[in-house]
Amino acid sequence: MYIVNDKEYVCPVTVTTEIFNDKWKLDVIWYLLEGEKRYTELFDIINNVTKKTLTAKLRELEQIGIINREAFAEVPPRVIYSLTPLGAELRPLLEEMYKWGLTYVKKQGRITED
C-alpha cells in the first residue's frame, strides 16, 4: 500500500496517473524543462489553455512539489515558475513521450509546416 497526501494507492502507476490526469500539467512541465518562465510566457506557448485553467494547473503543480513559484515584490508584480528537483526528474519520461508521439504522428498522421 502506498499513501500520498492521506490517500491510499495499491500501485505507483495510479499515483502517477492521478497527478498527471490532464494534458495541461504535462505541457507546463514540458516547457519548464527549457528553464524558468513567467506566467505570460507559459500562457503564450501552451496552445488553447485558458488563463483560469493555467492558473489552476500551476497552483496544483506547486502544491504537489513539482514546480516552484517565486513572486517578486515589484510593480507590476513578477512571478517566475521553475521545476523543483522532483519535477526535473520527469525529463527522461517526457522526452520518451515526445519521441513516441513523433513516431506516432509519422506513422498515423502527418507533419505540416505552419
N, C-alpha and C. Protein backbone atom coordinates (compact mmCIF):
# COMPACT_ATOMS: atom_id res chain seq x y z
N MET A 1 0.85 -1.18 0.00
CA MET A 1 0.00 0.00 0.00
C MET A 1 0.90 1.25 0.00
N TYR A 2 0.48 2.23 -0.76
CA TYR A 2 1.20 3.49 -0.84
C TYR A 2 0.27 4.60 -0.37
N ILE A 3 0.81 5.51 0.43
CA ILE A 3 -0.01 6.61 0.94
C ILE A 3 0.64 7.93 0.54
N VAL A 4 -0.13 8.76 -0.15
CA VAL A 4 0.32 10.09 -0.58
C VAL A 4 -0.80 11.07 -0.29
N ASN A 5 -0.47 12.12 0.46
CA ASN A 5 -1.47 13.14 0.83
C ASN A 5 -2.72 12.51 1.44
N ASP A 6 -2.49 11.60 2.36
CA ASP A 6 -3.56 10.91 3.10
C ASP A 6 -4.48 10.08 2.21
N LYS A 7 -4.04 9.72 1.02
CA LYS A 7 -4.83 8.88 0.14
C LYS A 7 -4.06 7.59 -0.12
N GLU A 8 -4.77 6.46 -0.09
CA GLU A 8 -4.13 5.17 -0.27
C GLU A 8 -4.18 4.72 -1.73
N TYR A 9 -3.08 4.11 -2.15
CA TYR A 9 -2.97 3.58 -3.51
C TYR A 9 -2.40 2.17 -3.43
N VAL A 10 -2.78 1.34 -4.38
CA VAL A 10 -2.23 -0.01 -4.42
C VAL A 10 -1.10 -0.13 -5.44
N CYS A 11 -0.93 0.88 -6.29
CA CYS A 11 0.08 0.82 -7.34
C CYS A 11 0.67 2.21 -7.60
N PRO A 12 1.99 2.33 -7.72
CA PRO A 12 2.60 3.63 -8.01
C PRO A 12 2.16 4.22 -9.36
N VAL A 13 1.77 3.38 -10.31
CA VAL A 13 1.28 3.90 -11.59
C VAL A 13 0.01 4.70 -11.37
N THR A 14 -0.83 4.27 -10.46
CA THR A 14 -2.05 5.01 -10.15
C THR A 14 -1.72 6.37 -9.54
N VAL A 15 -0.69 6.42 -8.70
CA VAL A 15 -0.24 7.71 -8.14
C VAL A 15 0.14 8.64 -9.29
N THR A 16 0.93 8.13 -10.21
CA THR A 16 1.40 8.94 -11.34
C THR A 16 0.25 9.40 -12.22
N THR A 17 -0.65 8.50 -12.57
CA THR A 17 -1.75 8.89 -13.46
C THR A 17 -2.70 9.87 -12.78
N GLU A 18 -2.84 9.78 -11.47
CA GLU A 18 -3.69 10.75 -10.79
C GLU A 18 -3.07 12.14 -10.77
N ILE A 19 -1.76 12.21 -10.61
CA ILE A 19 -1.08 13.51 -10.62
C ILE A 19 -1.19 14.15 -12.00
N PHE A 20 -0.97 13.35 -13.04
CA PHE A 20 -0.97 13.88 -14.40
C PHE A 20 -2.24 13.48 -15.12
N ASN A 21 -3.35 13.84 -14.54
CA ASN A 21 -4.66 13.43 -15.05
C ASN A 21 -5.18 14.32 -16.17
N ASP A 22 -4.38 15.23 -16.66
CA ASP A 22 -4.79 16.07 -17.78
C ASP A 22 -3.57 16.53 -18.56
N LYS A 23 -3.78 16.98 -19.76
CA LYS A 23 -2.66 17.36 -20.61
C LYS A 23 -2.00 18.67 -20.19
N TRP A 24 -2.71 19.54 -19.53
CA TRP A 24 -2.13 20.85 -19.23
C TRP A 24 -0.94 20.75 -18.29
N LYS A 25 -1.01 19.88 -17.30
CA LYS A 25 0.11 19.75 -16.37
C LYS A 25 1.37 19.28 -17.10
N LEU A 26 1.21 18.32 -17.97
CA LEU A 26 2.37 17.83 -18.71
C LEU A 26 2.92 18.90 -19.65
N ASP A 27 2.05 19.70 -20.24
CA ASP A 27 2.50 20.79 -21.09
C ASP A 27 3.33 21.79 -20.29
N VAL A 28 2.85 22.17 -19.12
CA VAL A 28 3.57 23.11 -18.27
C VAL A 28 4.96 22.57 -17.95
N ILE A 29 5.01 21.32 -17.53
CA ILE A 29 6.29 20.72 -17.17
C ILE A 29 7.22 20.66 -18.38
N TRP A 30 6.68 20.28 -19.54
CA TRP A 30 7.49 20.20 -20.76
C TRP A 30 8.17 21.52 -21.05
N TYR A 31 7.43 22.61 -20.99
CA TYR A 31 8.01 23.91 -21.31
C TYR A 31 8.94 24.42 -20.21
N LEU A 32 8.71 24.02 -18.98
CA LEU A 32 9.61 24.42 -17.90
C LEU A 32 10.92 23.63 -17.93
N LEU A 33 10.95 22.52 -18.66
CA LEU A 33 12.21 21.80 -18.83
C LEU A 33 13.24 22.67 -19.55
N GLU A 34 12.77 23.63 -20.35
CA GLU A 34 13.67 24.56 -21.05
C GLU A 34 14.29 25.57 -20.09
N GLY A 35 13.66 25.79 -18.96
CA GLY A 35 14.13 26.78 -17.99
C GLY A 35 12.95 27.54 -17.41
N GLU A 36 13.25 28.41 -16.46
CA GLU A 36 12.17 29.14 -15.80
C GLU A 36 11.40 30.02 -16.78
N LYS A 37 10.13 30.23 -16.45
CA LYS A 37 9.25 31.02 -17.32
C LYS A 37 8.33 31.87 -16.46
N ARG A 38 7.94 33.00 -17.02
CA ARG A 38 6.92 33.82 -16.40
C ARG A 38 5.55 33.30 -16.83
N TYR A 39 4.53 33.70 -16.10
CA TYR A 39 3.15 33.26 -16.40
C TYR A 39 2.78 33.56 -17.85
N THR A 40 3.05 34.78 -18.30
CA THR A 40 2.65 35.17 -19.66
C THR A 40 3.38 34.34 -20.71
N GLU A 41 4.63 33.98 -20.45
CA GLU A 41 5.36 33.13 -21.39
C GLU A 41 4.69 31.77 -21.52
N LEU A 42 4.32 31.18 -20.38
CA LEU A 42 3.64 29.89 -20.42
C LEU A 42 2.30 29.99 -21.13
N PHE A 43 1.56 31.05 -20.83
CA PHE A 43 0.25 31.23 -21.47
C PHE A 43 0.39 31.36 -22.98
N ASP A 44 1.42 32.07 -23.42
CA ASP A 44 1.61 32.28 -24.86
C ASP A 44 2.03 31.02 -25.60
N ILE A 45 2.75 30.11 -24.96
CA ILE A 45 3.26 28.94 -25.69
C ILE A 45 2.39 27.69 -25.55
N ILE A 46 1.51 27.67 -24.56
CA ILE A 46 0.65 26.49 -24.39
C ILE A 46 -0.64 26.72 -25.18
N ASN A 47 -0.84 25.90 -26.19
CA ASN A 47 -1.98 26.05 -27.10
C ASN A 47 -3.32 25.85 -26.39
N ASN A 48 -4.23 26.78 -26.61
CA ASN A 48 -5.63 26.66 -26.23
C ASN A 48 -5.93 26.58 -24.74
N VAL A 49 -4.97 26.86 -23.88
CA VAL A 49 -5.26 26.86 -22.45
C VAL A 49 -5.86 28.22 -22.09
N THR A 50 -6.83 28.21 -21.18
CA THR A 50 -7.39 29.47 -20.70
C THR A 50 -6.56 29.95 -19.51
N LYS A 51 -6.65 31.23 -19.22
CA LYS A 51 -5.91 31.78 -18.08
C LYS A 51 -6.35 31.12 -16.78
N LYS A 52 -7.64 30.89 -16.65
CA LYS A 52 -8.17 30.25 -15.44
C LYS A 52 -7.60 28.84 -15.27
N THR A 53 -7.58 28.08 -16.35
CA THR A 53 -7.06 26.71 -16.29
C THR A 53 -5.57 26.71 -16.00
N LEU A 54 -4.82 27.57 -16.68
CA LEU A 54 -3.37 27.63 -16.45
C LEU A 54 -3.07 27.98 -15.00
N THR A 55 -3.77 28.95 -14.47
CA THR A 55 -3.57 29.34 -13.06
C THR A 55 -3.85 28.16 -12.14
N ALA A 56 -4.93 27.45 -12.39
CA ALA A 56 -5.29 26.30 -11.55
C ALA A 56 -4.23 25.21 -11.63
N LYS A 57 -3.74 24.91 -12.84
CA LYS A 57 -2.74 23.85 -13.01
C LYS A 57 -1.41 24.23 -12.38
N LEU A 58 -1.03 25.50 -12.49
CA LEU A 58 0.20 25.95 -11.85
C LEU A 58 0.10 25.80 -10.34
N ARG A 59 -1.04 26.15 -9.78
CA ARG A 59 -1.23 26.00 -8.32
C ARG A 59 -1.16 24.54 -7.91
N GLU A 60 -1.81 23.67 -8.70
CA GLU A 60 -1.79 22.24 -8.37
C GLU A 60 -0.37 21.68 -8.42
N LEU A 61 0.38 22.04 -9.45
CA LEU A 61 1.75 21.54 -9.58
C LEU A 61 2.65 22.08 -8.47
N GLU A 62 2.41 23.31 -8.07
CA GLU A 62 3.17 23.87 -6.94
C GLU A 62 2.83 23.14 -5.65
N GLN A 63 1.56 22.90 -5.45
CA GLN A 63 1.07 22.24 -4.23
C GLN A 63 1.65 20.84 -4.06
N ILE A 64 1.85 20.13 -5.16
CA ILE A 64 2.36 18.75 -5.06
C ILE A 64 3.88 18.67 -5.21
N GLY A 65 4.55 19.82 -5.27
CA GLY A 65 6.00 19.84 -5.23
C GLY A 65 6.71 19.61 -6.55
N ILE A 66 6.01 19.84 -7.67
CA ILE A 66 6.60 19.64 -9.00
C ILE A 66 7.22 20.94 -9.53
N ILE A 67 6.61 22.08 -9.21
CA ILE A 67 7.15 23.37 -9.65
C ILE A 67 7.32 24.31 -8.47
N ASN A 68 8.21 25.30 -8.69
CA ASN A 68 8.40 26.40 -7.74
C ASN A 68 7.73 27.63 -8.31
N ARG A 69 7.21 28.45 -7.41
CA ARG A 69 6.66 29.75 -7.79
C ARG A 69 7.39 30.80 -6.98
N GLU A 70 8.05 31.73 -7.66
CA GLU A 70 8.78 32.78 -6.98
C GLU A 70 8.17 34.12 -7.37
N ALA A 71 7.62 34.81 -6.38
CA ALA A 71 6.98 36.12 -6.62
C ALA A 71 7.92 37.22 -6.15
N PHE A 72 8.01 38.26 -6.96
CA PHE A 72 8.86 39.41 -6.64
C PHE A 72 7.97 40.60 -6.32
N ALA A 73 8.32 41.32 -5.27
CA ALA A 73 7.55 42.49 -4.84
C ALA A 73 7.92 43.68 -5.72
N GLU A 74 7.34 43.70 -6.91
CA GLU A 74 7.58 44.76 -7.87
C GLU A 74 6.25 45.23 -8.43
N VAL A 75 6.30 46.38 -9.09
CA VAL A 75 5.12 46.87 -9.78
C VAL A 75 5.49 47.03 -11.24
N PRO A 76 4.84 46.31 -12.14
CA PRO A 76 3.83 45.28 -11.90
C PRO A 76 4.47 44.03 -11.28
N PRO A 77 3.65 43.22 -10.62
CA PRO A 77 4.19 42.03 -9.98
C PRO A 77 4.83 41.09 -11.01
N ARG A 78 5.90 40.44 -10.59
CA ARG A 78 6.59 39.49 -11.46
C ARG A 78 6.64 38.15 -10.74
N VAL A 79 6.24 37.10 -11.46
CA VAL A 79 6.24 35.75 -10.90
C VAL A 79 6.99 34.84 -11.88
N ILE A 80 7.90 34.05 -11.34
CA ILE A 80 8.70 33.12 -12.13
C ILE A 80 8.36 31.70 -11.69
N TYR A 81 8.16 30.83 -12.67
CA TYR A 81 7.91 29.42 -12.39
C TYR A 81 9.10 28.60 -12.88
N SER A 82 9.45 27.59 -12.10
CA SER A 82 10.54 26.69 -12.46
C SER A 82 10.24 25.31 -11.89
N LEU A 83 10.97 24.32 -12.36
CA LEU A 83 10.79 22.97 -11.85
C LEU A 83 11.57 22.78 -10.56
N THR A 84 11.00 22.02 -9.66
CA THR A 84 11.73 21.58 -8.47
C THR A 84 12.65 20.44 -8.91
N PRO A 85 13.58 20.01 -8.07
CA PRO A 85 14.38 18.83 -8.43
C PRO A 85 13.50 17.61 -8.73
N LEU A 86 12.41 17.45 -8.00
CA LEU A 86 11.49 16.34 -8.25
C LEU A 86 10.85 16.49 -9.64
N GLY A 87 10.47 17.70 -9.98
CA GLY A 87 9.89 17.95 -11.31
C GLY A 87 10.89 17.72 -12.42
N ALA A 88 12.14 18.09 -12.19
CA ALA A 88 13.18 17.91 -13.21
C ALA A 88 13.44 16.43 -13.48
N GLU A 89 13.13 15.56 -12.52
CA GLU A 89 13.30 14.13 -12.72
C GLU A 89 12.34 13.58 -13.79
N LEU A 90 11.37 14.36 -14.19
CA LEU A 90 10.42 13.93 -15.23
C LEU A 90 10.99 14.07 -16.64
N ARG A 91 12.15 14.70 -16.78
CA ARG A 91 12.73 14.93 -18.11
C ARG A 91 12.82 13.65 -18.96
N PRO A 92 13.43 12.56 -18.47
CA PRO A 92 13.53 11.38 -19.34
C PRO A 92 12.16 10.83 -19.76
N LEU A 93 11.21 10.85 -18.86
CA LEU A 93 9.87 10.36 -19.17
C LEU A 93 9.22 11.21 -20.27
N LEU A 94 9.29 12.53 -20.13
CA LEU A 94 8.67 13.41 -21.12
C LEU A 94 9.41 13.36 -22.46
N GLU A 95 10.73 13.20 -22.42
CA GLU A 95 11.46 13.09 -23.68
C GLU A 95 11.06 11.81 -24.42
N GLU A 96 10.85 10.72 -23.70
CA GLU A 96 10.39 9.49 -24.34
C GLU A 96 8.96 9.64 -24.87
N MET A 97 8.11 10.36 -24.13
CA MET A 97 6.75 10.62 -24.62
C MET A 97 6.80 11.45 -25.90
N TYR A 98 7.71 12.43 -25.95
CA TYR A 98 7.89 13.25 -27.14
C TYR A 98 8.29 12.38 -28.33
N LYS A 99 9.29 11.51 -28.13
CA LYS A 99 9.75 10.64 -29.21
C LYS A 99 8.64 9.71 -29.69
N TRP A 100 7.92 9.14 -28.75
CA TRP A 100 6.83 8.23 -29.13
C TRP A 100 5.74 8.99 -29.90
N GLY A 101 5.40 10.18 -29.42
CA GLY A 101 4.39 10.99 -30.09
C GLY A 101 4.80 11.34 -31.51
N LEU A 102 6.07 11.66 -31.71
CA LEU A 102 6.57 11.97 -33.05
C LEU A 102 6.51 10.73 -33.95
N THR A 103 6.89 9.59 -33.42
CA THR A 103 6.79 8.34 -34.19
C THR A 103 5.34 8.05 -34.57
N TYR A 104 4.44 8.26 -33.62
CA TYR A 104 3.02 8.01 -33.88
C TYR A 104 2.51 8.93 -34.99
N VAL A 105 2.86 10.20 -34.91
CA VAL A 105 2.43 11.15 -35.96
C VAL A 105 2.95 10.71 -37.32
N LYS A 106 4.20 10.29 -37.37
CA LYS A 106 4.79 9.87 -38.65
C LYS A 106 4.09 8.65 -39.22
N LYS A 107 3.64 7.74 -38.36
CA LYS A 107 3.00 6.51 -38.82
C LYS A 107 1.50 6.66 -39.03
N GLN A 108 0.86 7.51 -38.25
CA GLN A 108 -0.60 7.59 -38.28
C GLN A 108 -1.14 8.94 -38.75
N GLY A 109 -0.28 9.90 -38.95
CA GLY A 109 -0.75 11.23 -39.33
C GLY A 109 0.22 11.87 -40.29
N ARG A 110 0.44 13.15 -40.12
CA ARG A 110 1.40 13.86 -40.97
C ARG A 110 1.87 15.11 -40.23
N ILE A 111 3.02 15.61 -40.66
CA ILE A 111 3.61 16.82 -40.11
C ILE A 111 3.42 17.91 -41.15
N THR A 112 2.90 19.06 -40.73
CA THR A 112 2.70 20.17 -41.66
C THR A 112 3.62 21.32 -41.29
N GLU A 113 3.88 22.17 -42.24
CA GLU A 113 4.65 23.39 -41.99
C GLU A 113 3.68 24.52 -41.71
N ASP A 114 3.84 25.20 -40.59
CA ASP A 114 2.96 26.33 -40.27
C ASP A 114 3.56 27.64 -40.69
